[in-house]
């Protein structure tokens, strides 16, 4: 279980319990397009409110199965932004397509997660109801087709198809932009001239020798500093362990007290 998926699962459960205990809370959190200017926060909060236990269970089950691998791929911070923006995308499309219908549920965000999963693991087999195998890409395609057909036909089945489509579209666009930015960063890093390792080591040793306030150190620390600097001079700074380098860095950052040697 990855950290942001776990957080989202807990938030959905807690908010569902809260809306049962306080029925009036649902109206404050649900997204009603006509009230968006009065309640703008509902473009986010509606994705944490569910109609009933089955609605909650289905969405959380999909998040549980598809979310962790996508979070590992994107990183926790990016994944959370991706999830929330997919939910907002669902609200925006609902505003334009079905302005008179209130919306609740994480389905828009979940559809975005499914699209992301299918993008990176298209041939991964998913077992519907634990029995029927289907590749992730085919599942995503069927979800898109179903939402499009239902949305265009104006099906009144109690499902927010516009929110589903909004999450799908935003998820697809988000990932394309993220991949382009990531590619540019990689190209930029590769184009930077690399500093030879010998130069880096020499600069580190020179910095330690110059900045460590030897006359301010306790004799035990001074003894260890001398041993490590001697090791670095003899065998190179790369032979120092991470802890040894960190110790020298800490010693080099000590503030010198001008009055320390005053009588």
C-alpha atoms as a PDB file:
ATOM      1  CA  UNK A   1       0.000   0.000   0.000  1.00  0.00           C
ATOM      2  CA  UNK A   2       1.471   3.348  -1.058  1.00  0.00           C
ATOM      3  CA  UNK A   3       1.098   6.430   1.201  1.00  0.00           C
ATOM      4  CA  UNK A   4      -1.194   8.613  -0.935  1.00  0.00           C
ATOM      5  CA  UNK A   5      -3.488   5.733  -1.895  1.00  0.00           C
ATOM      6  CA  UNK A   6      -3.756   4.827   1.773  1.00  0.00           C
ATOM      7  CA  UNK A   7      -4.545   8.461   2.650  1.00  0.00           C
ATOM      8  CA  UNK A   8      -7.257   8.651  -0.012  1.00  0.00           C
ATOM      9  CA  UNK A   9      -8.831   5.389   1.103  1.00  0.00           C
ATOM     10  CA  UNK A  10      -8.983   6.588   4.699  1.00  0.00           C
ATOM     11  CA  UNK A  11     -10.374  10.016   3.751  1.00  0.00           C
ATOM     12  CA  UNK A  12     -13.142   8.474   1.662  1.00  0.00           C
ATOM     13  CA  UNK A  13     -14.160   6.138   4.470  1.00  0.00           C
ATOM     14  CA  UNK A  14     -14.028   8.839   7.154  1.00  0.00           C
ATOM     15  CA  UNK A  15     -16.067  11.302   5.079  1.00  0.00           C
ATOM     16  CA  UNK A  16     -18.624   8.629   4.212  1.00  0.00           C
ATOM     17  CA  UNK A  17     -19.102   7.861   7.904  1.00  0.00           C
ATOM     18  CA  UNK A  18     -19.312  11.583   8.647  1.00  0.00           C
ATOM     19  CA  UNK A  19     -22.060  12.136   6.044  1.00  0.00           C
ATOM     20  CA  UNK A  20     -24.059   9.292   7.599  1.00  0.00           C
ATOM     21  CA  UNK A  21     -23.676  10.748  11.076  1.00  0.00           C
ATOM     22  CA  UNK A  22     -24.394  14.300   9.854  1.00  0.00           C
ATOM     23  CA  UNK A  23     -26.796  14.154   6.877  1.00  0.00           C
ATOM     24  CA  UNK A  24     -26.565  17.894   6.313  1.00  0.00           C
ATOM     25  CA  UNK A  25     -22.854  17.560   5.539  1.00  0.00           C
ATOM     26  CA  UNK A  26     -23.573  15.837   2.237  1.00  0.00           C
ATOM     27  CA  UNK A  27     -25.233  18.973   0.849  1.00  0.00           C
ATOM     28  CA  UNK A  28     -22.175  21.039   1.809  1.00  0.00           C
ATOM     29  CA  UNK A  29     -19.737  18.666   0.077  1.00  0.00           C
ATOM     30  CA  UNK A  30     -21.676  17.444  -2.990  1.00  0.00           C
ATOM     31  CA  UNK A  31     -21.097  19.234  -6.304  1.00  0.00           C
ATOM     32  CA  UNK A  32     -24.126  21.057  -7.661  1.00  0.00           C
ATOM     33  CA  UNK A  33     -23.137  22.931 -10.860  1.00  0.00           C
ATOM     34  CA  UNK A  34     -25.701  25.676 -10.302  1.00  0.00           C
ATOM     35  CA  UNK A  35     -24.174  26.428  -6.888  1.00  0.00           C
ATOM     36  CA  UNK A  36     -20.509  26.287  -7.864  1.00  0.00           C
ATOM     37  CA  UNK A  37     -19.912  30.023  -7.374  1.00  0.00           C
ATOM     38  CA  UNK A  38     -21.394  29.822  -3.888  1.00  0.00           C
ATOM     39  CA  UNK A  39     -19.653  26.533  -3.007  1.00  0.00           C
ATOM     40  CA  UNK A  40     -16.467  26.325  -5.134  1.00  0.00           C
ATOM     41  CA  UNK A  41     -14.836  23.813  -2.748  1.00  0.00           C
ATOM     42  CA  UNK A  42     -17.368  21.203  -3.836  1.00  0.00           C
ATOM     43  CA  UNK A  43     -15.425  20.731  -7.090  1.00  0.00           C
ATOM     44  CA  UNK A  44     -12.957  18.815  -4.932  1.00  0.00           C
ATOM     45  CA  UNK A  45     -15.008  17.550  -1.999  1.00  0.00           C
ATOM     46  CA  UNK A  46     -17.700  15.854  -4.090  1.00  0.00           C
ATOM     47  CA  UNK A  47     -15.144  13.179  -4.989  1.00  0.00           C
ATOM     48  CA  UNK A  48     -15.057  12.097  -1.326  1.00  0.00           C
ATOM     49  CA  UNK A  49     -18.829  11.772  -0.924  1.00  0.00           C
ATOM     50  CA  UNK A  50     -20.674   8.611  -1.972  1.00  0.00           C
ATOM     51  CA  UNK A  51     -24.323   7.726  -2.422  1.00  0.00           C
ATOM     52  CA  UNK A  52     -24.177   4.486  -0.477  1.00  0.00           C
ATOM     53  CA  UNK A  53     -21.855   1.770   0.784  1.00  0.00           C
ATOM     54  CA  UNK A  54     -21.786  -0.113  -2.536  1.00  0.00           C
ATOM     55  CA  UNK A  55     -20.850   3.073  -4.405  1.00  0.00           C
ATOM     56  CA  UNK A  56     -18.012   3.650  -1.940  1.00  0.00           C
ATOM     57  CA  UNK A  57     -16.831   0.035  -2.024  1.00  0.00           C
ATOM     58  CA  UNK A  58     -16.576  -0.158  -5.827  1.00  0.00           C
ATOM     59  CA  UNK A  59     -14.584   3.077  -6.100  1.00  0.00           C
ATOM     60  CA  UNK A  60     -12.225   2.204  -3.258  1.00  0.00           C
ATOM     61  CA  UNK A  61     -11.668  -1.282  -4.620  1.00  0.00           C
ATOM     62  CA  UNK A  62     -10.591   0.166  -7.963  1.00  0.00           C
ATOM     63  CA  UNK A  63      -8.336   2.692  -6.239  1.00  0.00           C
ATOM     64  CA  UNK A  64      -6.828  -0.116  -4.151  1.00  0.00           C
ATOM     65  CA  UNK A  65      -5.981  -2.228  -7.206  1.00  0.00           C
ATOM     66  CA  UNK A  66      -4.932   0.429  -9.732  1.00  0.00           C
ATOM     67  CA  UNK A  67      -3.618   3.257  -7.553  1.00  0.00           C
ATOM     68  CA  UNK A  68      -0.463   1.916  -5.859  1.00  0.00           C
ATOM     69  CA  UNK A  69       1.454   1.027  -9.027  1.00  0.00           C
ATOM     70  CA  UNK A  70       0.561   4.344 -10.616  1.00  0.00           C
ATOM     71  CA  UNK A  71       1.674   6.216  -7.487  1.00  0.00           C
ATOM     72  CA  UNK A  72       4.995   4.357  -7.563  1.00  0.00           C
ATOM     73  CA  UNK A  73       5.396   5.368 -11.206  1.00  0.00           C
ATOM     74  CA  UNK A  74       4.512   9.048 -10.767  1.00  0.00           C
ATOM     75  CA  UNK A  75       5.704   9.647  -7.217  1.00  0.00           C
ATOM     76  CA  UNK A  76       3.399  10.382  -4.294  1.00  0.00           C
ATOM     77  CA  UNK A  77       3.226  14.156  -4.754  1.00  0.00           C
ATOM     78  CA  UNK A  78       2.470  13.983  -8.476  1.00  0.00           C
ATOM     79  CA  UNK A  79      -0.012  11.147  -7.988  1.00  0.00           C
ATOM     80  CA  UNK A  80      -2.043  13.131  -5.459  1.00  0.00           C
ATOM     81  CA  UNK A  81      -2.147  16.146  -7.789  1.00  0.00           C
ATOM     82  CA  UNK A  82      -3.151  13.846 -10.635  1.00  0.00           C
ATOM     83  CA  UNK A  83      -5.973  12.274  -8.607  1.00  0.00           C
ATOM     84  CA  UNK A  84      -7.398  15.594  -7.417  1.00  0.00           C
ATOM     85  CA  UNK A  85      -7.204  17.195 -10.868  1.00  0.00           C
ATOM     86  CA  UNK A  86      -9.007  14.226 -12.412  1.00  0.00           C
ATOM     87  CA  UNK A  87     -11.768  14.764  -9.863  1.00  0.00           C
ATOM     88  CA  UNK A  88     -11.913  18.476 -10.699  1.00  0.00           C
ATOM     89  CA  UNK A  89     -12.017  17.594 -14.390  1.00  0.00           C
ATOM     90  CA  UNK A  90     -15.080  15.484 -13.714  1.00  0.00           C
ATOM     91  CA  UNK A  91     -16.770  18.431 -12.010  1.00  0.00           C
ATOM     92  CA  UNK A  92     -15.912  20.828 -14.847  1.00  0.00           C
ATOM     93  CA  UNK A  93     -17.329  18.581 -17.562  1.00  0.00           C
ATOM     94  CA  UNK A  94     -20.425  17.943 -15.452  1.00  0.00           C
ATOM     95  CA  UNK A  95     -20.900  21.704 -15.189  1.00  0.00           C
ATOM     96  CA  UNK A  96     -21.055  22.036 -18.996  1.00  0.00           C
ATOM     97  CA  UNK A  97     -22.833  18.808 -19.912  1.00  0.00           C
ATOM     98  CA  UNK A  98     -25.233  18.289 -17.000  1.00  0.00           C
ATOM     99  CA  UNK A  99     -25.521  21.637 -15.188  1.00  0.00           C
ATOM    100  CA  UNK A 100     -28.746  20.710 -13.431  1.00  0.00           C
ATOM    101  CA  UNK A 101     -27.571  17.452 -11.888  1.00  0.00           C
ATOM    102  CA  UNK A 102     -25.764  17.128  -8.549  1.00  0.00           C
ATOM    103  CA  UNK A 103     -22.716  14.862  -8.495  1.00  0.00           C
ATOM    104  CA  UNK A 104     -21.047  12.773  -5.790  1.00  0.00           C
ATOM    105  CA  UNK A 105     -18.425  10.052  -5.897  1.00  0.00           C
ATOM    106  CA  UNK A 106     -14.764   9.442  -6.687  1.00  0.00           C
ATOM    107  CA  UNK A 107     -15.507   7.841 -10.063  1.00  0.00           C
ATOM    108  CA  UNK A 108     -14.083  10.734 -12.100  1.00  0.00           C
ATOM    109  CA  UNK A 109     -10.771  10.527 -10.276  1.00  0.00           C
ATOM    110  CA  UNK A 110     -10.838   6.715 -10.373  1.00  0.00           C
ATOM    111  CA  UNK A 111     -11.422   6.690 -14.138  1.00  0.00           C
ATOM    112  CA  UNK A 112      -8.346   8.887 -14.480  1.00  0.00           C
ATOM    113  CA  UNK A 113      -6.354   6.390 -12.399  1.00  0.00           C
ATOM    114  CA  UNK A 114      -7.536   3.515 -14.599  1.00  0.00           C
ATOM    115  CA  UNK A 115      -6.473   5.399 -17.735  1.00  0.00           C
ATOM    116  CA  UNK A 116      -3.067   6.011 -16.157  1.00  0.00           C
ATOM    117  CA  UNK A 117      -2.690   2.348 -15.286  1.00  0.00           C
ATOM    118  CA  UNK A 118      -3.678   1.302 -18.806  1.00  0.00           C
ATOM    119  CA  UNK A 119      -1.205   3.782 -20.284  1.00  0.00           C
ATOM    120  CA  UNK A 120       1.793   2.264 -18.534  1.00  0.00           C
ATOM    121  CA  UNK A 121       0.694  -1.366 -18.231  1.00  0.00           C
ATOM    122  CA  UNK A 122      -1.627  -1.805 -21.236  1.00  0.00           C
ATOM    123  CA  UNK A 123      -1.321  -5.606 -21.443  1.00  0.00           C
ATOM    124  CA  UNK A 124      -1.758  -6.233 -17.728  1.00  0.00           C
ATOM    125  CA  UNK A 125      -4.639  -8.653 -17.229  1.00  0.00           C
ATOM    126  CA  UNK A 126      -7.462  -7.511 -14.973  1.00  0.00           C
ATOM    127  CA  UNK A 127      -9.979 -10.043 -13.689  1.00  0.00           C
ATOM    128  CA  UNK A 128     -13.497  -8.632 -13.603  1.00  0.00           C
ATOM    129  CA  UNK A 129     -15.376 -10.079 -10.637  1.00  0.00           C
ATOM    130  CA  UNK A 130     -12.251 -12.158 -10.098  1.00  0.00           C
ATOM    131  CA  UNK A 131     -13.198 -14.382 -13.062  1.00  0.00           C
ATOM    132  CA  UNK A 132     -13.207 -12.671 -16.465  1.00  0.00           C
ATOM    133  CA  UNK A 133      -9.715 -11.670 -17.696  1.00  0.00           C
ATOM    134  CA  UNK A 134      -9.327  -8.478 -19.727  1.00  0.00           C
ATOM    135  CA  UNK A 135      -6.279  -6.417 -20.606  1.00  0.00           C
ATOM    136  CA  UNK A 136      -6.014  -3.031 -18.920  1.00  0.00           C
ATOM    137  CA  UNK A 137      -6.071  -1.173 -22.238  1.00  0.00           C
ATOM    138  CA  UNK A 138      -9.280  -2.915 -23.302  1.00  0.00           C
ATOM    139  CA  UNK A 139     -10.875  -2.148 -19.958  1.00  0.00           C
ATOM    140  CA  UNK A 140     -10.024   1.539 -20.364  1.00  0.00           C
ATOM    141  CA  UNK A 141     -11.371   1.578 -23.931  1.00  0.00           C
ATOM    142  CA  UNK A 142     -14.631  -0.052 -22.859  1.00  0.00           C
ATOM    143  CA  UNK A 143     -14.999   2.439 -20.008  1.00  0.00           C
ATOM    144  CA  UNK A 144     -14.546   5.331 -22.438  1.00  0.00           C
ATOM    145  CA  UNK A 145     -17.034   3.886 -24.943  1.00  0.00           C
ATOM    146  CA  UNK A 146     -19.610   3.167 -22.272  1.00  0.00           C
ATOM    147  CA  UNK A 147     -19.362   6.657 -20.795  1.00  0.00           C
ATOM    148  CA  UNK A 148     -19.514   8.293 -24.236  1.00  0.00           C
ATOM    149  CA  UNK A 149     -22.528   6.315 -25.388  1.00  0.00           C
ATOM    150  CA  UNK A 150     -24.374   6.802 -22.106  1.00  0.00           C
ATOM    151  CA  UNK A 151     -23.488  10.479 -21.984  1.00  0.00           C
ATOM    152  CA  UNK A 152     -24.537  11.208 -25.581  1.00  0.00           C
ATOM    153  CA  UNK A 153     -27.754   9.229 -25.282  1.00  0.00           C
ATOM    154  CA  UNK A 154     -28.628  11.045 -22.070  1.00  0.00           C
ATOM    155  CA  UNK A 155     -29.110   7.825 -20.144  1.00  0.00           C
ATOM    156  CA  UNK A 156     -30.837   8.437 -16.818  1.00  0.00           C
ATOM    157  CA  UNK A 157     -29.248   5.625 -14.856  1.00  0.00           C
ATOM    158  CA  UNK A 158     -28.096   7.612 -11.846  1.00  0.00           C
ATOM    159  CA  UNK A 159     -24.449   7.477 -13.021  1.00  0.00           C
ATOM    160  CA  UNK A 160     -22.423  10.657 -13.517  1.00  0.00           C
ATOM    161  CA  UNK A 161     -21.085   9.806 -16.978  1.00  0.00           C
ATOM    162  CA  UNK A 162     -19.919  13.379 -17.572  1.00  0.00           C
ATOM    163  CA  UNK A 163     -17.759  13.179 -14.440  1.00  0.00           C
ATOM    164  CA  UNK A 164     -16.292   9.904 -15.698  1.00  0.00           C
ATOM    165  CA  UNK A 165     -15.403  11.423 -19.046  1.00  0.00           C
ATOM    166  CA  UNK A 166     -13.964  14.520 -17.401  1.00  0.00           C
ATOM    167  CA  UNK A 167     -11.687  12.382 -15.243  1.00  0.00           C
ATOM    168  CA  UNK A 168     -10.600  10.338 -18.266  1.00  0.00           C
ATOM    169  CA  UNK A 169      -9.764  13.390 -20.368  1.00  0.00           C
ATOM    170  CA  UNK A 170      -7.909  15.240 -17.622  1.00  0.00           C
ATOM    171  CA  UNK A 171      -6.003  12.084 -16.654  1.00  0.00           C
ATOM    172  CA  UNK A 172      -4.875  11.535 -20.249  1.00  0.00           C
ATOM    173  CA  UNK A 173      -3.819  15.174 -20.738  1.00  0.00           C
ATOM    174  CA  UNK A 174      -2.084  15.336 -17.351  1.00  0.00           C
ATOM    175  CA  UNK A 175       0.055  12.285 -18.079  1.00  0.00           C
ATOM    176  CA  UNK A 176       1.026  13.518 -21.524  1.00  0.00           C
ATOM    177  CA  UNK A 177       2.191  16.837 -20.075  1.00  0.00           C
ATOM    178  CA  UNK A 178       3.994  15.128 -17.192  1.00  0.00           C
ATOM    179  CA  UNK A 179       5.846  12.805 -19.588  1.00  0.00           C
ATOM    180  CA  UNK A 180       6.954  15.720 -21.776  1.00  0.00           C
ATOM    181  CA  UNK A 181       8.237  17.676 -18.774  1.00  0.00           C
ATOM    182  CA  UNK A 182      10.024  14.593 -17.480  1.00  0.00           C
ATOM    183  CA  UNK A 183      11.612  14.010 -20.884  1.00  0.00           C
ATOM    184  CA  UNK A 184      12.833  17.615 -21.044  1.00  0.00           C
ATOM    185  CA  UNK A 185      14.378  17.308 -17.568  1.00  0.00           C
ATOM    186  CA  UNK A 186      16.190  14.120 -18.536  1.00  0.00           C
ATOM    187  CA  UNK A 187      17.517  15.658 -21.763  1.00  0.00           C
ATOM    188  CA  UNK A 188      18.640  18.754 -19.892  1.00  0.00           C
ATOM    189  CA  UNK A 189      20.476  16.699 -17.268  1.00  0.00           C
ATOM    190  CA  UNK A 190      22.223  14.628 -19.932  1.00  0.00           C
ATOM    191  CA  UNK A 191      23.328  17.774 -21.769  1.00  0.00           C
ATOM    192  CA  UNK A 192      25.054  19.227 -18.721  1.00  0.00           C
ATOM    193  CA  UNK A 193      28.831  18.841 -18.772  1.00  0.00           C
ATOM    194  CA  UNK A 194      29.925  16.338 -16.147  1.00  0.00           C
ATOM    195  CA  UNK A 195      32.563  17.381 -13.645  1.00  0.00           C
ATOM    196  CA  UNK A 196      35.316  14.745 -13.376  1.00  0.00           C
ATOM    197  CA  UNK A 197      35.162  12.715 -10.169  1.00  0.00           C
ATOM    198  CA  UNK A 198      38.750  13.633  -9.314  1.00  0.00           C
ATOM    199  CA  UNK A 199      37.857  17.328  -9.367  1.00  0.00           C
ATOM    200  CA  UNK A 200      34.848  16.774  -7.114  1.00  0.00           C
ATOM    201  CA  UNK A 201      36.970  14.830  -4.618  1.00  0.00           C
ATOM    202  CA  UNK A 202      39.722  17.437  -4.622  1.00  0.00           C
ATOM    203  CA  UNK A 203      37.217  20.243  -4.056  1.00  0.00           C
ATOM    204  CA  UNK A 204      35.579  18.381  -1.179  1.00  0.00           C
ATOM    205  CA  UNK A 205      38.935  17.764   0.519  1.00  0.00           C
ATOM    206  CA  UNK A 206      39.985  21.369   0.016  1.00  0.00           C
ATOM    207  CA  UNK A 207      36.703  22.604   1.464  1.00  0.00           C
ATOM    208  CA  UNK A 208      37.013  20.440   4.569  1.00  0.00           C
ATOM    209  CA  UNK A 209      40.617  21.508   5.177  1.00  0.00           C
ATOM    210  CA  UNK A 210      39.743  25.168   4.758  1.00  0.00           C
ATOM    211  CA  UNK A 211      36.444  25.426   6.619  1.00  0.00           C
ATOM    212  CA  UNK A 212      36.758  23.031   9.581  1.00  0.00           C
ATOM    213  CA  UNK A 213      37.625  25.192  12.649  1.00  0.00           C
ATOM    214  CA  UNK A 214      40.260  22.905  14.136  1.00  0.00           C
ATOM    215  CA  UNK A 215      41.001  25.151  17.128  1.00  0.00           C
ATOM    216  CA  UNK A 216      37.321  25.076  18.088  1.00  0.00           C
ATOM    217  CA  UNK A 217      36.881  21.302  18.113  1.00  0.00           C
ATOM    218  CA  UNK A 218      36.798  18.973  21.053  1.00  0.00           C
ATOM    219  CA  UNK A 219      39.907  16.806  21.104  1.00  0.00           C
ATOM    220  CA  UNK A 220      37.939  13.661  20.267  1.00  0.00           C
ATOM    221  CA  UNK A 221      36.304  15.306  17.256  1.00  0.00           C
ATOM    222  CA  UNK A 222      39.640  16.769  16.209  1.00  0.00           C
ATOM    223  CA  UNK A 223      41.277  13.366  16.349  1.00  0.00           C
ATOM    224  CA  UNK A 224      38.547  11.862  14.169  1.00  0.00           C
ATOM    225  CA  UNK A 225      38.749  14.789  11.723  1.00  0.00           C
ATOM    226  CA  UNK A 226      42.508  14.294  11.348  1.00  0.00           C
ATOM    227  CA  UNK A 227      42.104  10.577  10.741  1.00  0.00           C
ATOM    228  CA  UNK A 228      39.436  11.083   8.085  1.00  0.00           C
ATOM    229  CA  UNK A 229      41.347  13.863   6.313  1.00  0.00           C
ATOM    230  CA  UNK A 230      44.460  11.717   6.273  1.00  0.00           C
ATOM    231  CA  UNK A 231      42.449   8.867   4.778  1.00  0.00           C
ATOM    232  CA  UNK A 232      41.024  11.202   2.125  1.00  0.00           C
ATOM    233  CA  UNK A 233      44.475  12.553   1.204  1.00  0.00           C
ATOM    234  CA  UNK A 234      45.956   9.084   0.948  1.00  0.00           C
ATOM    235  CA  UNK A 235      43.196   7.120  -0.790  1.00  0.00           C
ATOM    236  CA  UNK A 236      40.836   9.769  -2.131  1.00  0.00           C
ATOM    237  CA  UNK A 237      37.620  11.264  -0.777  1.00  0.00           C
ATOM    238  CA  UNK A 238      35.578   8.550  -2.504  1.00  0.00           C
ATOM    239  CA  UNK A 239      36.922   6.012   0.005  1.00  0.00           C
ATOM    240  CA  UNK A 240      35.103   7.798   2.816  1.00  0.00           C
ATOM    241  CA  UNK A 241      31.771   6.310   3.824  1.00  0.00           C
ATOM    242  CA  UNK A 242      28.581   8.332   3.687  1.00  0.00           C
ATOM    243  CA  UNK A 243      28.637   8.774   7.478  1.00  0.00           C
ATOM    244  CA  UNK A 244      32.278   9.895   7.406  1.00  0.00           C
ATOM    245  CA  UNK A 245      31.572  12.480   4.721  1.00  0.00           C
ATOM    246  CA  UNK A 246      28.527  13.680   6.636  1.00  0.00           C
ATOM    247  CA  UNK A 247      30.655  14.045   9.787  1.00  0.00           C
ATOM    248  CA  UNK A 248      33.216  16.188   7.962  1.00  0.00           C
ATOM    249  CA  UNK A 249      30.447  18.284   6.446  1.00  0.00           C
ATOM    250  CA  UNK A 250      28.968  18.894   9.908  1.00  0.00           C
ATOM    251  CA  UNK A 251      32.351  19.888  11.268  1.00  0.00           C
ATOM    252  CA  UNK A 252      32.926  22.289   8.365  1.00  0.00           C
ATOM    253  CA  UNK A 253      29.642  24.059   9.104  1.00  0.00           C
ATOM    254  CA  UNK A 254      30.406  24.779  12.758  1.00  0.00           C
ATOM    255  CA  UNK A 255      30.365  28.475  13.542  1.00  0.00           C
ATOM    256  CA  UNK A 256      33.654  29.863  14.782  1.00  0.00           C
ATOM    257  CA  UNK A 257      33.368  31.817  18.001  1.00  0.00           C
ATOM    258  CA  UNK A 258      35.900  34.715  17.839  1.00  0.00           C
ATOM    259  CA  UNK A 259      36.018  34.867  21.638  1.00  0.00           C
ATOM    260  CA  UNK A 260      36.595  31.161  22.110  1.00  0.00           C
ATOM    261  CA  UNK A 261      40.338  31.590  22.650  1.00  0.00           C
ATOM    262  CA  UNK A 262      40.119  34.829  24.587  1.00  0.00           C
ATOM    263  CA  UNK A 263      41.715  34.706  28.016  1.00  0.00           C
END
